[in-house]
C-alpha atoms as a PDB file:
ATOM      1  CA  MET A   1     -13.391  83.544  52.351  1.00  0.00           C
ATOM      2  CA  PRO A   2     -12.434  82.565  48.729  1.00  0.00           C
ATOM      3  CA  ARG A   3     -14.605  83.624  46.149  1.00  0.00           C
ATOM      4  CA  ARG A   4     -15.008  81.905  42.682  1.00  0.00           C
ATOM      5  CA  PRO A   5     -14.796  84.108  39.531  1.00  0.00           C
ATOM      6  CA  VAL A   6     -17.605  85.414  37.613  1.00  0.00           C
ATOM      7  CA  VAL A   7     -17.595  83.416  34.524  1.00  0.00           C
ATOM      8  CA  ALA A   8     -17.164  85.721  31.662  1.00  0.00           C
ATOM      9  CA  LEU A   9     -17.624  85.146  27.838  1.00  0.00           C
ATOM     10  CA  LEU A  10     -13.980  84.602  26.690  1.00  0.00           C
ATOM     11  CA  THR A  11     -12.729  83.642  23.341  1.00  0.00           C
ATOM     12  CA  VAL A  12      -9.467  83.407  21.601  1.00  0.00           C
ATOM     13  CA  CYS A  13      -8.560  84.547  18.243  1.00  0.00           C
ATOM     14  CA  VAL A  14      -6.317  82.018  16.608  1.00  0.00           C
ATOM     15  CA  LEU A  15      -6.138  83.939  13.320  1.00  0.00           C
ATOM     16  CA  ALA A  16      -2.436  85.060  12.637  1.00  0.00           C
ATOM     17  CA  ALA A  17      -0.962  86.491   9.628  1.00  0.00           C
ATOM     18  CA  GLY A  18      -0.446  83.714   7.129  1.00  0.00           C
ATOM     19  CA  LEU A  19      -3.133  81.401   9.035  1.00  0.00           C
ATOM     20  CA  SER A  20      -6.419  81.265   7.432  1.00  0.00           C
ATOM     21  CA  ALA A  21      -9.738  80.600   9.332  1.00  0.00           C
ATOM     22  CA  ALA A  22      -9.848  77.305   7.785  1.00  0.00           C
ATOM     23  CA  THR A  23      -6.566  76.263   8.982  1.00  0.00           C
ATOM     24  CA  ALA A  24      -7.306  77.230  12.480  1.00  0.00           C
ATOM     25  CA  GLN A  25     -10.435  75.199  12.301  1.00  0.00           C
ATOM     26  CA  GLY A  26      -8.556  72.314  10.974  1.00  0.00           C
ATOM     27  CA  LEU A  27      -6.174  72.303  13.966  1.00  0.00           C
ATOM     28  CA  PHE A  28      -8.416  73.274  16.887  1.00  0.00           C
ATOM     29  CA  GLY A  29     -12.027  72.692  15.462  1.00  0.00           C
ATOM     30  CA  ALA A  30     -14.785  75.224  15.573  1.00  0.00           C
ATOM     31  CA  PRO A  31     -15.067  77.398  18.707  1.00  0.00           C
ATOM     32  CA  PRO A  32     -17.899  77.044  21.153  1.00  0.00           C
ATOM     33  CA  ALA A  33     -21.222  78.487  19.672  1.00  0.00           C
ATOM     34  CA  ASN A  34     -21.695  81.012  22.538  1.00  0.00           C
ATOM     35  CA  ALA A  35     -18.090  82.152  22.188  1.00  0.00           C
ATOM     36  CA  PRO A  36     -18.319  85.738  20.517  1.00  0.00           C
ATOM     37  CA  ALA A  37     -15.453  86.822  18.071  1.00  0.00           C
ATOM     38  CA  GLU A  38     -12.771  89.008  19.517  1.00  0.00           C
ATOM     39  CA  ASN A  39     -10.821  91.629  17.758  1.00  0.00           C
ATOM     40  CA  ALA A  40      -7.099  90.688  17.981  1.00  0.00           C
ATOM     41  CA  PRO A  41      -3.826  92.226  16.420  1.00  0.00           C
ATOM     42  CA  ALA A  42      -2.339  90.656  13.567  1.00  0.00           C
ATOM     43  CA  TYR A  43       0.274  88.185  14.518  1.00  0.00           C
ATOM     44  CA  SER A  44       3.383  86.714  12.912  1.00  0.00           C
ATOM     45  CA  ALA A  45       3.036  83.397  11.037  1.00  0.00           C
ATOM     46  CA  PRO A  46       2.477  80.732  13.889  1.00  0.00           C
ATOM     47  CA  ALA A  47       4.335  77.554  14.433  1.00  0.00           C
ATOM     48  CA  ALA A  48       2.289  74.495  15.461  1.00  0.00           C
ATOM     49  CA  ASN A  49       4.198  71.861  17.412  1.00  0.00           C
ATOM     50  CA  ALA A  50       3.236  68.247  18.286  1.00  0.00           C
ATOM     51  CA  PRO A  51       4.046  66.981  21.777  1.00  0.00           C
ATOM     52  CA  GLY A  52       7.761  67.515  22.578  1.00  0.00           C
ATOM     53  CA  GLY A  53       8.272  69.296  19.356  1.00  0.00           C
ATOM     54  CA  ALA A  54       8.918  66.012  17.679  1.00  0.00           C
ATOM     55  CA  THR A  55       7.715  65.133  14.236  1.00  0.00           C
ATOM     56  CA  GLU A  56       4.423  63.097  14.178  1.00  0.00           C
ATOM     57  CA  PRO A  57       4.375  60.145  11.772  1.00  0.00           C
ATOM     58  CA  THR A  58       0.736  60.999  10.867  1.00  0.00           C
ATOM     59  CA  SER A  59      -0.966  63.155   8.267  1.00  0.00           C
ATOM     60  CA  PRO A  60      -1.233  66.759   8.868  1.00  0.00           C
ATOM     61  CA  PRO A  61      -4.655  67.828  10.072  1.00  0.00           C
ATOM     62  CA  VAL A  62      -7.372  68.769   7.554  1.00  0.00           C
ATOM     63  CA  GLY A  63      -6.959  72.146   6.203  1.00  0.00           C
ATOM     64  CA  TRP A  64      -3.067  72.655   6.578  1.00  0.00           C
ATOM     65  CA  SER A  65      -1.218  73.964   3.807  1.00  0.00           C
ATOM     66  CA  PRO A  66       2.295  72.249   2.938  1.00  0.00           C
ATOM     67  CA  ALA A  67       3.983  75.024   4.761  1.00  0.00           C
ATOM     68  CA  GLU A  68       2.104  74.844   7.744  1.00  0.00           C
ATOM     69  CA  ALA A  69       2.611  70.966   7.862  1.00  0.00           C
ATOM     70  CA  ALA A  70       6.437  71.694   7.470  1.00  0.00           C
ATOM     71  CA  SER A  71       6.241  74.227  10.238  1.00  0.00           C
ATOM     72  CA  ALA A  72       4.374  71.650  12.609  1.00  0.00           C
ATOM     73  CA  ALA A  73       7.426  69.347  12.299  1.00  0.00           C
ATOM     74  CA  ALA A  74       9.863  72.043  13.519  1.00  0.00           C
ATOM     75  CA  PRO A  75      11.089  71.371  17.178  1.00  0.00           C
ATOM     76  CA  VAL A  76      10.066  73.866  20.009  1.00  0.00           C
ATOM     77  CA  GLN A  77      12.696  76.713  20.075  1.00  0.00           C
ATOM     78  CA  PRO A  78      14.493  77.044  23.560  1.00  0.00           C
ATOM     79  CA  GLY A  79      13.140  80.105  25.361  1.00  0.00           C
ATOM     80  CA  SER A  80       9.961  80.520  23.166  1.00  0.00           C
ATOM     81  CA  PRO A  81       6.679  80.922  24.578  1.00  0.00           C
ATOM     82  CA  THR A  82       5.751  77.338  23.598  1.00  0.00           C
ATOM     83  CA  ALA A  83       8.767  76.051  25.508  1.00  0.00           C
ATOM     84  CA  VAL A  84       7.554  77.959  28.411  1.00  0.00           C
ATOM     85  CA  VAL A  85       4.178  76.338  28.316  1.00  0.00           C
ATOM     86  CA  ARG A  86       5.193  72.899  27.684  1.00  0.00           C
ATOM     87  CA  PRO A  87       6.232  71.827  31.225  1.00  0.00           C
ATOM     88  CA  PHE A  88       2.665  72.648  32.482  1.00  0.00           C
ATOM     89  CA  TYR A  89       1.560  69.759  30.565  1.00  0.00           C
ATOM     90  CA  ASP A  90       4.188  67.407  31.535  1.00  0.00           C
ATOM     91  CA  GLN A  91       3.586  67.857  35.365  1.00  0.00           C
ATOM     92  CA  VAL A  92       0.123  68.470  36.899  1.00  0.00           C
ATOM     93  CA  ASN A  93      -0.475  71.587  38.904  1.00  0.00           C
ATOM     94  CA  LEU A  94       2.690  73.258  38.164  1.00  0.00           C
ATOM     95  CA  GLU A  95       0.832  76.424  37.547  1.00  0.00           C
ATOM     96  CA  ILE A  96       0.199  76.796  41.310  1.00  0.00           C
ATOM     97  CA  ASP A  97       3.781  75.803  42.467  1.00  0.00           C
ATOM     98  CA  PRO A  98       5.374  78.940  44.146  1.00  0.00           C
ATOM     99  CA  ALA A  99       8.816  77.663  42.732  1.00  0.00           C
ATOM    100  CA  GLU A 100       7.407  78.410  39.189  1.00  0.00           C
ATOM    101  CA  ARG A 101       6.226  81.816  39.932  1.00  0.00           C
ATOM    102  CA  GLY A 102       9.148  83.442  38.118  1.00  0.00           C
ATOM    103  CA  HIS A 103       7.468  82.424  34.829  1.00  0.00           C
ATOM    104  CA  PHE A 104       4.486  84.818  35.607  1.00  0.00           C
ATOM    105  CA  ILE A 105       3.690  88.438  35.610  1.00  0.00           C
ATOM    106  CA  ASP A 106       0.585  90.297  36.570  1.00  0.00           C
ATOM    107  CA  PRO A 107      -2.127  89.966  36.378  1.00  0.00           C
ATOM    108  CA  ALA A 108      -1.636  86.244  36.491  1.00  0.00           C
ATOM    109  CA  LYS A 109       1.147  86.603  39.150  1.00  0.00           C
ATOM    110  CA  THR A 110      -1.040  88.795  41.645  1.00  0.00           C
ATOM    111  CA  VAL A 111      -3.925  86.159  41.519  1.00  0.00           C
ATOM    112  CA  LEU A 112      -1.521  83.156  42.186  1.00  0.00           C
ATOM    113  CA  ASP A 113       0.245  85.077  45.043  1.00  0.00           C
ATOM    114  CA  LYS A 114      -3.166  85.805  46.744  1.00  0.00           C
ATOM    115  CA  SER A 115      -4.189  82.301  46.215  1.00  0.00           C
ATOM    116  CA  ASP A 116      -0.882  81.046  48.012  1.00  0.00           C
ATOM    117  CA  ALA A 117      -1.574  83.519  50.919  1.00  0.00           C
ATOM    118  CA  LEU A 118      -5.235  82.223  51.146  1.00  0.00           C
ATOM    119  CA  ARG A 119      -4.146  78.541  51.192  1.00  0.00           C
ATOM    120  CA  LYS A 120      -1.482  79.281  54.058  1.00  0.00           C
ATOM    121  CA  SER A 121      -4.064  81.198  56.107  1.00  0.00           C
ATOM    122  CA  GLY A 122      -6.011  77.770  56.106  1.00  0.00           C
ATOM    123  CA  GLN A 123      -9.064  79.543  54.532  1.00  0.00           C
ATOM    124  CA  GLY A 124      -9.090  77.010  51.737  1.00  0.00           C
ATOM    125  CA  GLU A 125      -8.560  76.972  47.986  1.00  0.00           C
ATOM    126  CA  CYS A 126      -9.280  79.716  45.492  1.00  0.00           C
ATOM    127  CA  LEU A 127      -8.343  78.417  42.289  1.00  0.00           C
ATOM    128  CA  ASP A 128      -9.765  75.330  40.562  1.00  0.00           C
ATOM    129  CA  PRO A 129      -7.590  72.249  40.185  1.00  0.00           C
ATOM    130  CA  ASN A 130      -5.693  71.533  36.910  1.00  0.00           C
ATOM    131  CA  MET A 131      -6.146  75.017  35.390  1.00  0.00           C
ATOM    132  CA  ALA A 132      -3.651  74.186  32.773  1.00  0.00           C
ATOM    133  CA  LEU A 133      -5.788  71.332  31.792  1.00  0.00           C
ATOM    134  CA  ASP A 134      -8.960  73.344  31.770  1.00  0.00           C
ATOM    135  CA  ASN A 135      -9.664  71.670  35.124  1.00  0.00           C
ATOM    136  CA  ALA A 136      -9.831  68.238  33.472  1.00  0.00           C
ATOM    137  CA  ASP A 137      -8.439  65.015  35.068  1.00  0.00           C
ATOM    138  CA  TYR A 138      -4.766  64.390  34.152  1.00  0.00           C
ATOM    139  CA  ASP A 139      -4.057  61.642  31.789  1.00  0.00           C
ATOM    140  CA  LYS A 140      -0.463  61.894  30.528  1.00  0.00           C
ATOM    141  CA  ASP A 141      -1.010  59.341  27.644  1.00  0.00           C
ATOM    142  CA  GLU A 142      -4.025  61.228  26.283  1.00  0.00           C
ATOM    143  CA  ILE A 143      -2.056  64.550  26.772  1.00  0.00           C
ATOM    144  CA  ASP A 144       0.874  63.225  24.877  1.00  0.00           C
ATOM    145  CA  LYS A 145      -1.383  61.794  22.035  1.00  0.00           C
ATOM    146  CA  SER A 146      -3.497  64.675  21.475  1.00  0.00           C
ATOM    147  CA  LEU A 147      -1.581  67.924  22.572  1.00  0.00           C
ATOM    148  CA  LYS A 148      -1.193  70.570  19.777  1.00  0.00           C
ATOM    149  CA  THR A 149       0.152  74.068  20.205  1.00  0.00           C
ATOM    150  CA  LEU A 150      -0.053  77.247  17.892  1.00  0.00           C
ATOM    151  CA  GLU A 151       2.431  80.151  18.719  1.00  0.00           C
ATOM    152  CA  ALA A 152       1.920  83.727  17.588  1.00  0.00           C
ATOM    153  CA  ILE A 153       4.114  86.576  18.447  1.00  0.00           C
ATOM    154  CA  ASN A 154       3.521  90.173  17.934  1.00  0.00           C
ATOM    155  CA  GLY A 155       6.525  92.268  19.058  1.00  0.00           C
ATOM    156  CA  ASP A 156       6.795  91.843  22.859  1.00  0.00           C
ATOM    157  CA  GLN A 157       3.549  89.940  23.115  1.00  0.00           C
ATOM    158  CA  ALA A 158       2.566  86.445  22.373  1.00  0.00           C
ATOM    159  CA  LYS A 159      -0.150  83.941  22.474  1.00  0.00           C
ATOM    160  CA  VAL A 160       0.109  80.112  22.536  1.00  0.00           C
ATOM    161  CA  ILE A 161      -3.043  78.292  21.936  1.00  0.00           C
ATOM    162  CA  VAL A 162      -3.168  74.774  23.471  1.00  0.00           C
ATOM    163  CA  ALA A 163      -5.595  72.171  22.081  1.00  0.00           C
ATOM    164  CA  PHE A 164      -5.995  68.560  23.544  1.00  0.00           C
ATOM    165  CA  VAL A 165      -8.518  65.876  24.220  1.00  0.00           C
ATOM    166  CA  ILE A 166      -9.161  64.089  27.636  1.00  0.00           C
ATOM    167  CA  ALA A 167     -11.791  61.393  28.083  1.00  0.00           C
ATOM    168  CA  GLY A 168     -13.108  62.220  24.711  1.00  0.00           C
ATOM    169  CA  ASN A 169     -13.642  65.740  25.432  1.00  0.00           C
ATOM    170  CA  PRO A 170     -11.742  68.506  23.509  1.00  0.00           C
ATOM    171  CA  HIS A 171     -10.296  71.359  25.317  1.00  0.00           C
ATOM    172  CA  ARG A 172      -8.713  74.713  24.103  1.00  0.00           C
ATOM    173  CA  LEU A 173      -6.836  77.294  26.075  1.00  0.00           C
ATOM    174  CA  GLU A 174      -4.852  80.421  25.470  1.00  0.00           C
ATOM    175  CA  TRP A 175      -1.594  81.420  27.356  1.00  0.00           C
ATOM    176  CA  LYS A 176      -0.826  85.170  26.978  1.00  0.00           C
ATOM    177  CA  PHE A 177       2.717  86.349  27.198  1.00  0.00           C
ATOM    178  CA  LYS A 178       4.713  89.434  27.370  1.00  0.00           C
ATOM    179  CA  LYS A 179       8.472  89.643  26.881  1.00  0.00           C
ATOM    180  CA  VAL A 180      10.290  91.147  30.093  1.00  0.00           C
ATOM    181  CA  ASP A 181      14.061  91.649  30.010  1.00  0.00           C
ATOM    182  CA  GLY A 182      14.339  89.404  26.962  1.00  0.00           C
ATOM    183  CA  ASP A 183      12.456  86.479  28.616  1.00  0.00           C
ATOM    184  CA  TRP A 184       8.811  85.313  27.913  1.00  0.00           C
ATOM    185  CA  LYS A 185       6.555  85.748  30.988  1.00  0.00           C
ATOM    186  CA  ILE A 186       2.907  84.514  31.276  1.00  0.00           C
ATOM    187  CA  SER A 187       0.512  87.273  31.911  1.00  0.00           C
ATOM    188  CA  ASP A 188      -2.751  85.252  31.731  1.00  0.00           C
ATOM    189  CA  LEU A 189      -4.437  81.911  30.969  1.00  0.00           C
ATOM    190  CA  LEU A 190      -7.766  81.645  29.535  1.00  0.00           C
ATOM    191  CA  SER A 191     -10.058  78.814  28.485  1.00  0.00           C
ATOM    192  CA  VAL A 192     -11.877  78.993  25.413  1.00  0.00           C
ATOM    193  CA  THR A 193     -13.800  75.841  26.342  1.00  0.00           C
ATOM    194  CA  GLY A 194     -14.731  76.757  29.979  1.00  0.00           C
ATOM    195  CA  GLN A 195     -14.926  80.412  29.239  1.00  0.00           C
ATOM    196  CA  TRP A 196     -12.811  81.513  32.275  1.00  0.00           C
ATOM    197  CA  ALA A 197      -9.779  83.512  32.827  1.00  0.00           C
ATOM    198  CA  LEU A 198      -7.015  83.171  35.558  1.00  0.00           C
ATOM    199  CA  SER A 199      -7.023  87.046  35.942  1.00  0.00           C
ATOM    200  CA  GLN A 200     -10.787  86.999  36.755  1.00  0.00           C
ATOM    201  CA  TYR A 201     -10.267  84.981  39.931  1.00  0.00           C
ATOM    202  CA  GLN A 202     -10.534  86.980  43.123  1.00  0.00           C
ATOM    203  CA  CYS A 203      -8.587  85.351  45.873  1.00  0.00           C
ATOM    204  CA  GLU A 204      -9.312  87.630  48.743  1.00  0.00           C
END
């Protein structure tokens, strides 16, 4: 029978080299009060992107420097971690589609493969719905209006922080990446808001 994961206290460090704490809070807001701080490696200067990588005609978020505001206007680079993440917010439940499994590596891939096997066996679902949306209901209009991303790369590892608002509720997730044979692959998905991680699900 499927088992739900033990909820663990998870957090995401959005501090990257050249990105101050005030800047991160201006983009994503303060983290949950019960989310402990996490030590994370220094990352290269991040690039924040509005939906589709297009320039937004609005003022930059509070706390952004002119350089970071200019970076936000830059389009998403093909093949970048952010480019890999974007489709998951254009189509609901894409993360559990076996056809998209090539974008994942372990530990995320193993959990998704076991979830597929469990579903095919008729024992039910292991994973929660809409994991890329932090299990919130999908509303494309709200996603397009509020979605912000922050990318940080450190060698062959990367993170993409995703922040959005649905039904007035803010959500924040972290997509973890590793470069394999020149391509960025998703190794895990974590929710700062819901305090869960895909890698912690036990689909047995």
